[in-house]
Amino acid sequence: MPSINLDDLTTNNLGVFKKIFGVTLPIEYSEDWYANSFDSDQIVKLAFYSELPVGAMKAKLLNIESFQGNFDNFNTSKLVSKSIPNAVYLETLSVLESYRNLGIGEKLLNYLIEETTKRFVHEIIIHVHVENTKAIDWYKKHGFVEKELLKDYYKSKGLTNPDAYILSLKV
């Protein structure tokens, strides 16, 4: 039976990390976003299925009250040094389409839940494009609840329908 393993992001596998997101997501991330993956407030993993890189996840600590708004605000913000993190923001979790429904996304999510609780944080939040019903259903199946609809969240990314749902998981 093929195994699912998680590994750290390194400068040597950064290209694979970029490629996974590039082929699975409808938006592009900046080079700064990828460079920030190595910061201490980031929780980042690559997922391997029988030694093939097939999934990735990137999240960060934040204080949710300190900012709000759109995609650019959430994805370029950093935790202010005097702020106490009260949530983990799951920036993205992706698995190559051919490898979905094999437990890879669940393994990445379980790792994130473990890391969140180790940091004494009790909530994971994520934005999901309103038209990504498969992802919304998957997150709800894993305990996330819909908190609100953000109008124009992805407006700067040029999506036809730029709205997003905020989903939350208490851990």
N, C-alpha and C. Protein backbone atom coordinates (compact mmCIF):
# COMPACT_ATOMS: atom_id res chain seq x y z
N MET A 1 0.84 -1.18 0.00
CA MET A 1 0.00 0.00 0.00
C MET A 1 0.89 1.25 0.00
N PRO A 2 0.61 2.20 -0.85
CA PRO A 2 1.42 3.42 -0.91
C PRO A 2 1.35 4.20 0.40
N SER A 3 2.45 4.85 0.75
CA SER A 3 2.48 5.61 1.99
C SER A 3 2.33 7.10 1.71
N ILE A 4 1.80 7.81 2.72
CA ILE A 4 1.69 9.26 2.67
C ILE A 4 2.63 9.81 3.72
N ASN A 5 3.55 10.66 3.30
CA ASN A 5 4.51 11.25 4.22
C ASN A 5 4.52 12.76 4.05
N LEU A 6 4.82 13.45 5.15
CA LEU A 6 4.95 14.90 5.11
C LEU A 6 6.40 15.26 5.32
N ASP A 7 6.82 16.34 4.68
CA ASP A 7 8.20 16.78 4.82
C ASP A 7 8.24 18.30 4.86
N ASP A 8 9.33 18.82 5.42
CA ASP A 8 9.52 20.26 5.53
C ASP A 8 9.81 20.88 4.16
N LEU A 9 9.48 22.14 4.06
CA LEU A 9 9.86 22.91 2.88
C LEU A 9 11.31 23.33 3.03
N THR A 10 12.08 23.17 1.97
CA THR A 10 13.48 23.60 1.95
C THR A 10 13.71 24.40 0.67
N THR A 11 14.85 25.03 0.59
CA THR A 11 15.16 25.75 -0.65
C THR A 11 15.27 24.77 -1.81
N ASN A 12 15.61 23.52 -1.52
CA ASN A 12 15.75 22.51 -2.58
C ASN A 12 14.42 22.05 -3.15
N ASN A 13 13.34 22.11 -2.37
CA ASN A 13 12.06 21.65 -2.90
C ASN A 13 11.04 22.79 -3.06
N LEU A 14 11.51 24.03 -2.97
CA LEU A 14 10.64 25.19 -3.14
C LEU A 14 9.98 25.20 -4.52
N GLY A 15 10.69 24.79 -5.55
CA GLY A 15 10.14 24.74 -6.90
C GLY A 15 8.94 23.79 -6.99
N VAL A 16 9.02 22.67 -6.32
CA VAL A 16 7.91 21.70 -6.30
C VAL A 16 6.71 22.31 -5.58
N PHE A 17 6.99 22.97 -4.47
CA PHE A 17 5.96 23.66 -3.68
C PHE A 17 5.21 24.65 -4.57
N LYS A 18 5.94 25.47 -5.31
CA LYS A 18 5.35 26.45 -6.22
C LYS A 18 4.52 25.76 -7.31
N LYS A 19 5.04 24.69 -7.86
CA LYS A 19 4.37 23.99 -8.95
C LYS A 19 3.03 23.41 -8.49
N ILE A 20 3.00 22.82 -7.29
CA ILE A 20 1.75 22.25 -6.77
C ILE A 20 0.68 23.32 -6.70
N PHE A 21 1.00 24.47 -6.13
CA PHE A 21 0.01 25.54 -6.03
C PHE A 21 -0.31 26.12 -7.41
N GLY A 22 0.69 26.20 -8.27
CA GLY A 22 0.48 26.75 -9.61
C GLY A 22 -0.50 25.96 -10.45
N VAL A 23 -0.55 24.64 -10.28
CA VAL A 23 -1.45 23.82 -11.09
C VAL A 23 -2.77 23.49 -10.41
N THR A 24 -2.89 23.80 -9.11
CA THR A 24 -4.12 23.44 -8.40
C THR A 24 -4.99 24.63 -8.01
N LEU A 25 -4.45 25.84 -8.08
CA LEU A 25 -5.21 27.01 -7.62
C LEU A 25 -5.49 27.98 -8.76
N PRO A 26 -6.62 28.69 -8.69
CA PRO A 26 -6.97 29.63 -9.75
C PRO A 26 -6.27 30.98 -9.63
N ILE A 27 -5.46 31.17 -8.61
CA ILE A 27 -4.76 32.43 -8.40
C ILE A 27 -3.26 32.18 -8.29
N GLU A 28 -2.48 33.22 -8.51
CA GLU A 28 -1.03 33.12 -8.39
C GLU A 28 -0.57 33.85 -7.14
N TYR A 29 0.46 33.30 -6.52
CA TYR A 29 1.06 33.94 -5.36
C TYR A 29 2.36 34.61 -5.78
N SER A 30 2.73 35.65 -5.06
CA SER A 30 3.95 36.40 -5.38
C SER A 30 5.19 35.67 -4.89
N GLU A 31 6.33 36.07 -5.40
CA GLU A 31 7.61 35.50 -4.94
C GLU A 31 7.82 35.80 -3.45
N ASP A 32 7.37 36.97 -2.99
CA ASP A 32 7.47 37.30 -1.57
C ASP A 32 6.67 36.32 -0.72
N TRP A 33 5.49 35.95 -1.19
CA TRP A 33 4.65 34.99 -0.47
C TRP A 33 5.40 33.67 -0.29
N TYR A 34 6.03 33.21 -1.36
CA TYR A 34 6.81 31.98 -1.26
C TYR A 34 8.03 32.16 -0.35
N ALA A 35 8.71 33.28 -0.45
CA ALA A 35 9.87 33.55 0.41
C ALA A 35 9.48 33.58 1.88
N ASN A 36 8.28 34.11 2.17
CA ASN A 36 7.79 34.17 3.55
C ASN A 36 7.50 32.79 4.13
N SER A 37 7.45 31.79 3.29
CA SER A 37 7.19 30.42 3.75
C SER A 37 8.23 29.93 4.74
N PHE A 38 9.39 30.55 4.75
CA PHE A 38 10.46 30.14 5.64
C PHE A 38 10.47 30.93 6.96
N ASP A 39 9.55 31.89 7.12
CA ASP A 39 9.49 32.69 8.34
C ASP A 39 9.03 31.84 9.52
N SER A 40 9.37 32.28 10.73
CA SER A 40 9.08 31.49 11.93
C SER A 40 7.60 31.41 12.27
N ASP A 41 6.79 32.34 11.76
CA ASP A 41 5.35 32.28 12.06
C ASP A 41 4.58 31.41 11.08
N GLN A 42 5.29 30.75 10.18
CA GLN A 42 4.65 29.92 9.14
C GLN A 42 4.62 28.44 9.54
N ILE A 43 3.57 27.77 9.12
CA ILE A 43 3.45 26.32 9.27
C ILE A 43 3.31 25.79 7.85
N VAL A 44 4.33 25.08 7.39
CA VAL A 44 4.40 24.69 5.97
C VAL A 44 4.82 23.23 5.86
N LYS A 45 4.16 22.49 4.98
CA LYS A 45 4.52 21.09 4.74
C LYS A 45 4.25 20.73 3.28
N LEU A 46 5.05 19.81 2.80
CA LEU A 46 4.81 19.15 1.52
C LEU A 46 4.32 17.74 1.81
N ALA A 47 3.42 17.23 0.99
CA ALA A 47 2.90 15.86 1.15
C ALA A 47 3.40 15.00 -0.01
N PHE A 48 3.84 13.82 0.35
CA PHE A 48 4.37 12.86 -0.64
C PHE A 48 3.54 11.59 -0.61
N TYR A 49 3.23 11.10 -1.79
CA TYR A 49 2.51 9.84 -1.94
C TYR A 49 3.47 8.89 -2.66
N SER A 50 3.91 7.87 -1.95
CA SER A 50 4.92 6.95 -2.49
C SER A 50 6.11 7.73 -3.05
N GLU A 51 6.59 8.68 -2.29
CA GLU A 51 7.76 9.50 -2.61
C GLU A 51 7.55 10.53 -3.71
N LEU A 52 6.33 10.65 -4.22
CA LEU A 52 6.01 11.68 -5.23
C LEU A 52 5.39 12.88 -4.53
N PRO A 53 5.88 14.09 -4.78
CA PRO A 53 5.27 15.27 -4.16
C PRO A 53 3.91 15.56 -4.81
N VAL A 54 2.85 15.51 -4.00
CA VAL A 54 1.50 15.62 -4.56
C VAL A 54 0.62 16.64 -3.84
N GLY A 55 1.10 17.20 -2.73
CA GLY A 55 0.28 18.14 -1.97
C GLY A 55 1.14 19.09 -1.17
N ALA A 56 0.53 20.18 -0.73
CA ALA A 56 1.26 21.17 0.06
C ALA A 56 0.26 21.97 0.88
N MET A 57 0.80 22.56 1.96
CA MET A 57 -0.01 23.36 2.85
C MET A 57 0.84 24.49 3.40
N LYS A 58 0.23 25.68 3.51
CA LYS A 58 0.92 26.83 4.10
C LYS A 58 -0.08 27.57 4.99
N ALA A 59 0.34 27.81 6.23
CA ALA A 59 -0.50 28.52 7.19
C ALA A 59 0.39 29.44 8.01
N LYS A 60 -0.25 30.37 8.74
CA LYS A 60 0.53 31.26 9.59
C LYS A 60 -0.27 31.67 10.81
N LEU A 61 0.47 32.01 11.85
CA LEU A 61 -0.13 32.53 13.07
C LEU A 61 -0.59 33.96 12.83
N LEU A 62 -1.70 34.34 13.45
CA LEU A 62 -2.15 35.71 13.34
C LEU A 62 -3.05 36.07 14.50
N ASN A 63 -3.24 37.36 14.65
CA ASN A 63 -4.25 37.88 15.57
C ASN A 63 -5.36 38.41 14.68
N ILE A 64 -6.46 37.71 14.67
CA ILE A 64 -7.52 37.98 13.71
C ILE A 64 -8.12 39.38 13.87
N GLU A 65 -8.06 39.95 15.07
CA GLU A 65 -8.62 41.29 15.28
C GLU A 65 -7.74 42.38 14.67
N SER A 66 -6.48 42.07 14.39
CA SER A 66 -5.55 43.10 13.95
C SER A 66 -5.71 43.50 12.49
N PHE A 67 -6.42 42.72 11.72
CA PHE A 67 -6.64 43.10 10.33
C PHE A 67 -7.85 42.38 9.78
N GLN A 68 -8.30 42.84 8.67
CA GLN A 68 -9.44 42.25 7.98
C GLN A 68 -9.39 42.69 6.54
N GLY A 69 -10.31 42.22 5.77
CA GLY A 69 -10.38 42.75 4.42
C GLY A 69 -10.27 41.75 3.32
N ASN A 70 -9.27 41.94 2.46
CA ASN A 70 -9.22 41.19 1.21
C ASN A 70 -8.00 40.27 1.16
N PHE A 71 -7.89 39.59 0.04
CA PHE A 71 -6.82 38.62 -0.19
C PHE A 71 -5.44 39.22 0.07
N ASP A 72 -5.18 40.38 -0.48
CA ASP A 72 -3.86 40.99 -0.34
C ASP A 72 -3.53 41.30 1.13
N ASN A 73 -4.51 41.79 1.89
CA ASN A 73 -4.27 42.08 3.31
C ASN A 73 -3.93 40.81 4.08
N PHE A 74 -4.69 39.77 3.90
CA PHE A 74 -4.46 38.53 4.63
C PHE A 74 -3.15 37.86 4.25
N ASN A 75 -2.80 37.91 2.99
CA ASN A 75 -1.64 37.15 2.53
C ASN A 75 -0.32 37.90 2.59
N THR A 76 -0.36 39.19 2.91
CA THR A 76 0.89 39.93 3.06
C THR A 76 1.11 40.37 4.49
N SER A 77 0.13 40.16 5.34
CA SER A 77 0.27 40.62 6.73
C SER A 77 1.16 39.68 7.52
N LYS A 78 1.77 40.25 8.54
CA LYS A 78 2.59 39.48 9.46
C LYS A 78 2.08 39.75 10.85
N LEU A 79 2.36 38.82 11.73
CA LEU A 79 1.97 38.97 13.12
C LEU A 79 2.81 40.08 13.74
N VAL A 80 2.14 41.11 14.25
CA VAL A 80 2.84 42.20 14.91
C VAL A 80 3.47 41.66 16.19
N SER A 81 4.71 42.05 16.46
CA SER A 81 5.46 41.45 17.56
C SER A 81 4.76 41.53 18.91
N LYS A 82 3.97 42.56 19.14
CA LYS A 82 3.28 42.69 20.43
C LYS A 82 1.92 41.98 20.43
N SER A 83 1.49 41.48 19.31
CA SER A 83 0.21 40.79 19.22
C SER A 83 0.35 39.34 19.67
N ILE A 84 -0.67 38.88 20.32
CA ILE A 84 -0.71 37.48 20.71
C ILE A 84 -1.54 36.75 19.67
N PRO A 85 -0.98 35.71 19.06
CA PRO A 85 -1.77 35.00 18.04
C PRO A 85 -2.98 34.33 18.66
N ASN A 86 -4.12 34.47 18.01
CA ASN A 86 -5.33 33.82 18.49
C ASN A 86 -5.96 32.93 17.42
N ALA A 87 -5.26 32.79 16.31
CA ALA A 87 -5.76 31.92 15.24
C ALA A 87 -4.59 31.52 14.34
N VAL A 88 -4.83 30.46 13.61
CA VAL A 88 -3.93 30.07 12.53
C VAL A 88 -4.72 30.26 11.25
N TYR A 89 -4.13 30.99 10.34
CA TYR A 89 -4.76 31.25 9.05
C TYR A 89 -4.20 30.26 8.04
N LEU A 90 -5.04 29.36 7.57
CA LEU A 90 -4.64 28.39 6.55
C LEU A 90 -4.71 29.11 5.21
N GLU A 91 -3.54 29.53 4.73
CA GLU A 91 -3.48 30.28 3.49
C GLU A 91 -3.85 29.42 2.30
N THR A 92 -3.35 28.20 2.29
CA THR A 92 -3.72 27.28 1.22
C THR A 92 -3.36 25.85 1.59
N LEU A 93 -4.18 24.94 1.11
CA LEU A 93 -3.94 23.51 1.23
C LEU A 93 -4.38 22.93 -0.11
N SER A 94 -3.45 22.29 -0.81
CA SER A 94 -3.77 21.77 -2.15
C SER A 94 -3.19 20.39 -2.35
N VAL A 95 -3.93 19.58 -3.08
CA VAL A 95 -3.49 18.25 -3.49
C VAL A 95 -3.74 18.13 -4.98
N LEU A 96 -2.76 17.60 -5.70
CA LEU A 96 -2.94 17.40 -7.14
C LEU A 96 -4.20 16.57 -7.39
N GLU A 97 -4.96 16.94 -8.40
CA GLU A 97 -6.27 16.34 -8.64
C GLU A 97 -6.25 14.80 -8.70
N SER A 98 -5.26 14.22 -9.34
CA SER A 98 -5.19 12.76 -9.47
C SER A 98 -4.97 12.04 -8.14
N TYR A 99 -4.57 12.80 -7.11
CA TYR A 99 -4.24 12.20 -5.81
C TYR A 99 -5.23 12.59 -4.72
N ARG A 100 -6.35 13.17 -5.10
CA ARG A 100 -7.36 13.55 -4.12
C ARG A 100 -8.15 12.32 -3.68
N ASN A 101 -8.75 12.42 -2.51
CA ASN A 101 -9.55 11.35 -1.90
C ASN A 101 -8.72 10.13 -1.51
N LEU A 102 -7.44 10.36 -1.24
CA LEU A 102 -6.56 9.28 -0.78
C LEU A 102 -6.06 9.53 0.65
N GLY A 103 -6.58 10.58 1.30
CA GLY A 103 -6.18 10.89 2.67
C GLY A 103 -5.03 11.87 2.79
N ILE A 104 -4.57 12.41 1.68
CA ILE A 104 -3.41 13.32 1.69
C ILE A 104 -3.80 14.67 2.30
N GLY A 105 -4.90 15.24 1.86
CA GLY A 105 -5.37 16.50 2.43
C GLY A 105 -5.67 16.36 3.91
N GLU A 106 -6.27 15.24 4.27
CA GLU A 106 -6.58 14.99 5.68
C GLU A 106 -5.31 14.89 6.53
N LYS A 107 -4.27 14.28 5.98
CA LYS A 107 -3.00 14.19 6.70
C LYS A 107 -2.39 15.58 6.90
N LEU A 108 -2.45 16.41 5.87
CA LEU A 108 -1.96 17.79 5.99
C LEU A 108 -2.79 18.56 7.02
N LEU A 109 -4.10 18.42 6.99
CA LEU A 109 -4.96 19.13 7.93
C LEU A 109 -4.71 18.64 9.36
N ASN A 110 -4.57 17.34 9.56
CA ASN A 110 -4.29 16.82 10.90
C ASN A 110 -2.96 17.34 11.43
N TYR A 111 -1.97 17.46 10.57
CA TYR A 111 -0.69 18.03 10.98
C TYR A 111 -0.90 19.48 11.44
N LEU A 112 -1.68 20.24 10.67
CA LEU A 112 -1.94 21.63 11.02
C LEU A 112 -2.68 21.73 12.36
N ILE A 113 -3.63 20.87 12.58
CA ILE A 113 -4.35 20.86 13.86
C ILE A 113 -3.39 20.60 15.02
N GLU A 114 -2.51 19.62 14.86
CA GLU A 114 -1.50 19.32 15.89
C GLU A 114 -0.61 20.54 16.16
N GLU A 115 -0.12 21.16 15.09
CA GLU A 115 0.76 22.32 15.24
C GLU A 115 0.02 23.51 15.88
N THR A 116 -1.24 23.66 15.54
CA THR A 116 -2.04 24.74 16.11
C THR A 116 -2.16 24.56 17.63
N THR A 117 -2.49 23.36 18.06
CA THR A 117 -2.65 23.12 19.50
C THR A 117 -1.31 23.20 20.24
N LYS A 118 -0.22 22.80 19.60
CA LYS A 118 1.11 22.95 20.22
C LYS A 118 1.44 24.40 20.50
N ARG A 119 0.89 25.29 19.70
CA ARG A 119 1.14 26.72 19.85
C ARG A 119 0.10 27.40 20.76
N PHE A 120 -0.76 26.59 21.39
CA PHE A 120 -1.79 27.07 22.31
C PHE A 120 -2.77 28.03 21.63
N VAL A 121 -3.05 27.73 20.38
CA VAL A 121 -4.03 28.48 19.60
C VAL A 121 -5.20 27.53 19.38
N HIS A 122 -6.41 28.09 19.34
CA HIS A 122 -7.59 27.24 19.34
C HIS A 122 -8.54 27.44 18.17
N GLU A 123 -8.06 28.10 17.13
CA GLU A 123 -8.91 28.29 15.96
C GLU A 123 -8.07 28.31 14.69
N ILE A 124 -8.58 27.65 13.67
CA ILE A 124 -8.00 27.69 12.32
C ILE A 124 -9.05 28.34 11.44
N ILE A 125 -8.61 29.33 10.65
CA ILE A 125 -9.54 29.97 9.72
C ILE A 125 -8.99 29.85 8.30
N ILE A 126 -9.90 29.89 7.36
CA ILE A 126 -9.52 29.82 5.95
C ILE A 126 -10.55 30.58 5.13
N HIS A 127 -10.09 31.14 4.02
CA HIS A 127 -10.99 31.73 3.02
C HIS A 127 -11.10 30.72 1.88
N VAL A 128 -12.31 30.51 1.41
CA VAL A 128 -12.52 29.62 0.27
C VAL A 128 -13.38 30.34 -0.75
N HIS A 129 -12.94 30.30 -1.99
CA HIS A 129 -13.69 30.93 -3.08
C HIS A 129 -15.10 30.34 -3.11
N VAL A 130 -16.10 31.19 -3.27
CA VAL A 130 -17.50 30.75 -3.20
C VAL A 130 -17.84 29.68 -4.23
N GLU A 131 -17.15 29.65 -5.34
CA GLU A 131 -17.45 28.65 -6.37
C GLU A 131 -16.71 27.34 -6.17
N ASN A 132 -15.85 27.27 -5.17
CA ASN A 132 -15.10 26.04 -4.91
C ASN A 132 -15.90 25.17 -3.94
N THR A 133 -17.02 24.66 -4.45
CA THR A 133 -17.93 23.90 -3.58
C THR A 133 -17.31 22.59 -3.09
N LYS A 134 -16.44 21.98 -3.88
CA LYS A 134 -15.77 20.75 -3.42
C LYS A 134 -14.94 21.02 -2.17
N ALA A 135 -14.19 22.12 -2.20
CA ALA A 135 -13.36 22.47 -1.03
C ALA A 135 -14.23 22.84 0.16
N ILE A 136 -15.28 23.62 -0.08
CA ILE A 136 -16.17 24.01 1.01
C ILE A 136 -16.76 22.77 1.66
N ASP A 137 -17.25 21.83 0.86
CA ASP A 137 -17.81 20.58 1.40
C ASP A 137 -16.76 19.78 2.15
N TRP A 138 -15.53 19.71 1.62
CA TRP A 138 -14.45 18.96 2.26
C TRP A 138 -14.13 19.55 3.63
N TYR A 139 -13.99 20.87 3.70
CA TYR A 139 -13.69 21.50 4.99
C TYR A 139 -14.82 21.30 5.98
N LYS A 140 -16.07 21.42 5.54
CA LYS A 140 -17.21 21.20 6.43
C LYS A 140 -17.23 19.75 6.93
N LYS A 141 -16.90 18.82 6.06
CA LYS A 141 -16.83 17.41 6.46
C LYS A 141 -15.78 17.20 7.55
N HIS A 142 -14.77 18.06 7.57
CA HIS A 142 -13.69 17.95 8.56
C HIS A 142 -13.89 18.90 9.75
N GLY A 143 -15.11 19.39 9.94
CA GLY A 143 -15.45 20.14 11.14
C GLY A 143 -15.46 21.65 11.03
N PHE A 144 -15.10 22.19 9.89
CA PHE A 144 -15.13 23.64 9.71
C PHE A 144 -16.57 24.11 9.61
N VAL A 145 -16.82 25.33 10.09
CA VAL A 145 -18.15 25.93 9.96
C VAL A 145 -18.01 27.25 9.20
N GLU A 146 -19.04 27.56 8.48
CA GLU A 146 -19.07 28.80 7.70
C GLU A 146 -19.36 29.96 8.64
N LYS A 147 -18.48 30.98 8.60
CA LYS A 147 -18.67 32.14 9.48
C LYS A 147 -19.31 33.31 8.77
N GLU A 148 -18.80 33.64 7.58
CA GLU A 148 -19.37 34.77 6.86
C GLU A 148 -18.92 34.77 5.41
N LEU A 149 -19.62 35.58 4.63
CA LEU A 149 -19.29 35.78 3.22
C LEU A 149 -18.58 37.12 3.10
N LEU A 150 -17.41 37.12 2.48
CA LEU A 150 -16.67 38.36 2.23
C LEU A 150 -16.82 38.74 0.76
N LYS A 151 -17.49 39.82 0.53
CA LYS A 151 -17.67 40.32 -0.84
C LYS A 151 -16.33 40.84 -1.36
N ASP A 152 -16.03 40.55 -2.61
CA ASP A 152 -14.85 41.07 -3.32
C ASP A 152 -13.51 40.67 -2.70
N TYR A 153 -13.48 39.60 -1.93
CA TYR A 153 -12.24 39.18 -1.28
C TYR A 153 -11.12 38.96 -2.31
N TYR A 154 -11.43 38.31 -3.43
CA TYR A 154 -10.43 38.00 -4.46
C TYR A 154 -10.44 39.02 -5.61
N LYS A 155 -10.97 40.20 -5.39
CA LYS A 155 -11.10 41.19 -6.47
C LYS A 155 -9.77 41.50 -7.15
N SER A 156 -8.71 41.62 -6.38
CA SER A 156 -7.39 41.96 -6.96
C SER A 156 -6.82 40.82 -7.81
N LYS A 157 -7.42 39.64 -7.70
CA LYS A 157 -6.92 38.47 -8.44
C LYS A 157 -7.65 38.26 -9.77
N GLY A 158 -8.62 39.12 -10.06
CA GLY A 158 -9.29 39.08 -11.35
C GLY A 158 -10.27 37.93 -11.55
N LEU A 159 -10.73 37.32 -10.47
CA LEU A 159 -11.71 36.24 -10.61
C LEU A 159 -13.08 36.82 -10.97
N THR A 160 -13.83 36.11 -11.79
CA THR A 160 -15.14 36.58 -12.23
C THR A 160 -16.05 36.84 -11.03
N ASN A 161 -16.09 35.90 -10.11
CA ASN A 161 -16.85 36.07 -8.88
C ASN A 161 -15.82 36.15 -7.74
N PRO A 162 -15.52 37.35 -7.24
CA PRO A 162 -14.42 37.51 -6.30
C PRO A 162 -14.77 37.25 -4.82
N ASP A 163 -15.95 36.72 -4.54
CA ASP A 163 -16.38 36.53 -3.16
C ASP A 163 -15.75 35.26 -2.54
N ALA A 164 -15.65 35.27 -1.22
CA ALA A 164 -15.09 34.13 -0.49
C ALA A 164 -15.84 33.93 0.82
N TYR A 165 -15.90 32.68 1.24
CA TYR A 165 -16.43 32.36 2.55
C TYR A 165 -15.27 32.26 3.53
N ILE A 166 -15.51 32.70 4.76
CA ILE A 166 -14.57 32.42 5.85
C ILE A 166 -15.12 31.18 6.54
N LEU A 167 -14.27 30.19 6.67
CA LEU A 167 -14.60 28.96 7.40
C LEU A 167 -13.71 28.90 8.62
N SER A 168 -14.21 28.30 9.69
CA SER A 168 -13.46 28.25 10.95
C SER A 168 -13.57 26.87 11.57
N LEU A 169 -12.47 26.46 12.19
CA LEU A 169 -12.44 25.19 12.94
C LEU A 169 -11.89 25.49 14.32
N LYS A 170 -12.66 25.16 15.35
CA LYS A 170 -12.20 25.29 16.73
C LYS A 170 -11.43 24.03 17.09
N VAL A 171 -10.22 24.21 17.63
CA VAL A 171 -9.39 23.04 18.00
C VAL A 171 -8.99 23.11 19.46
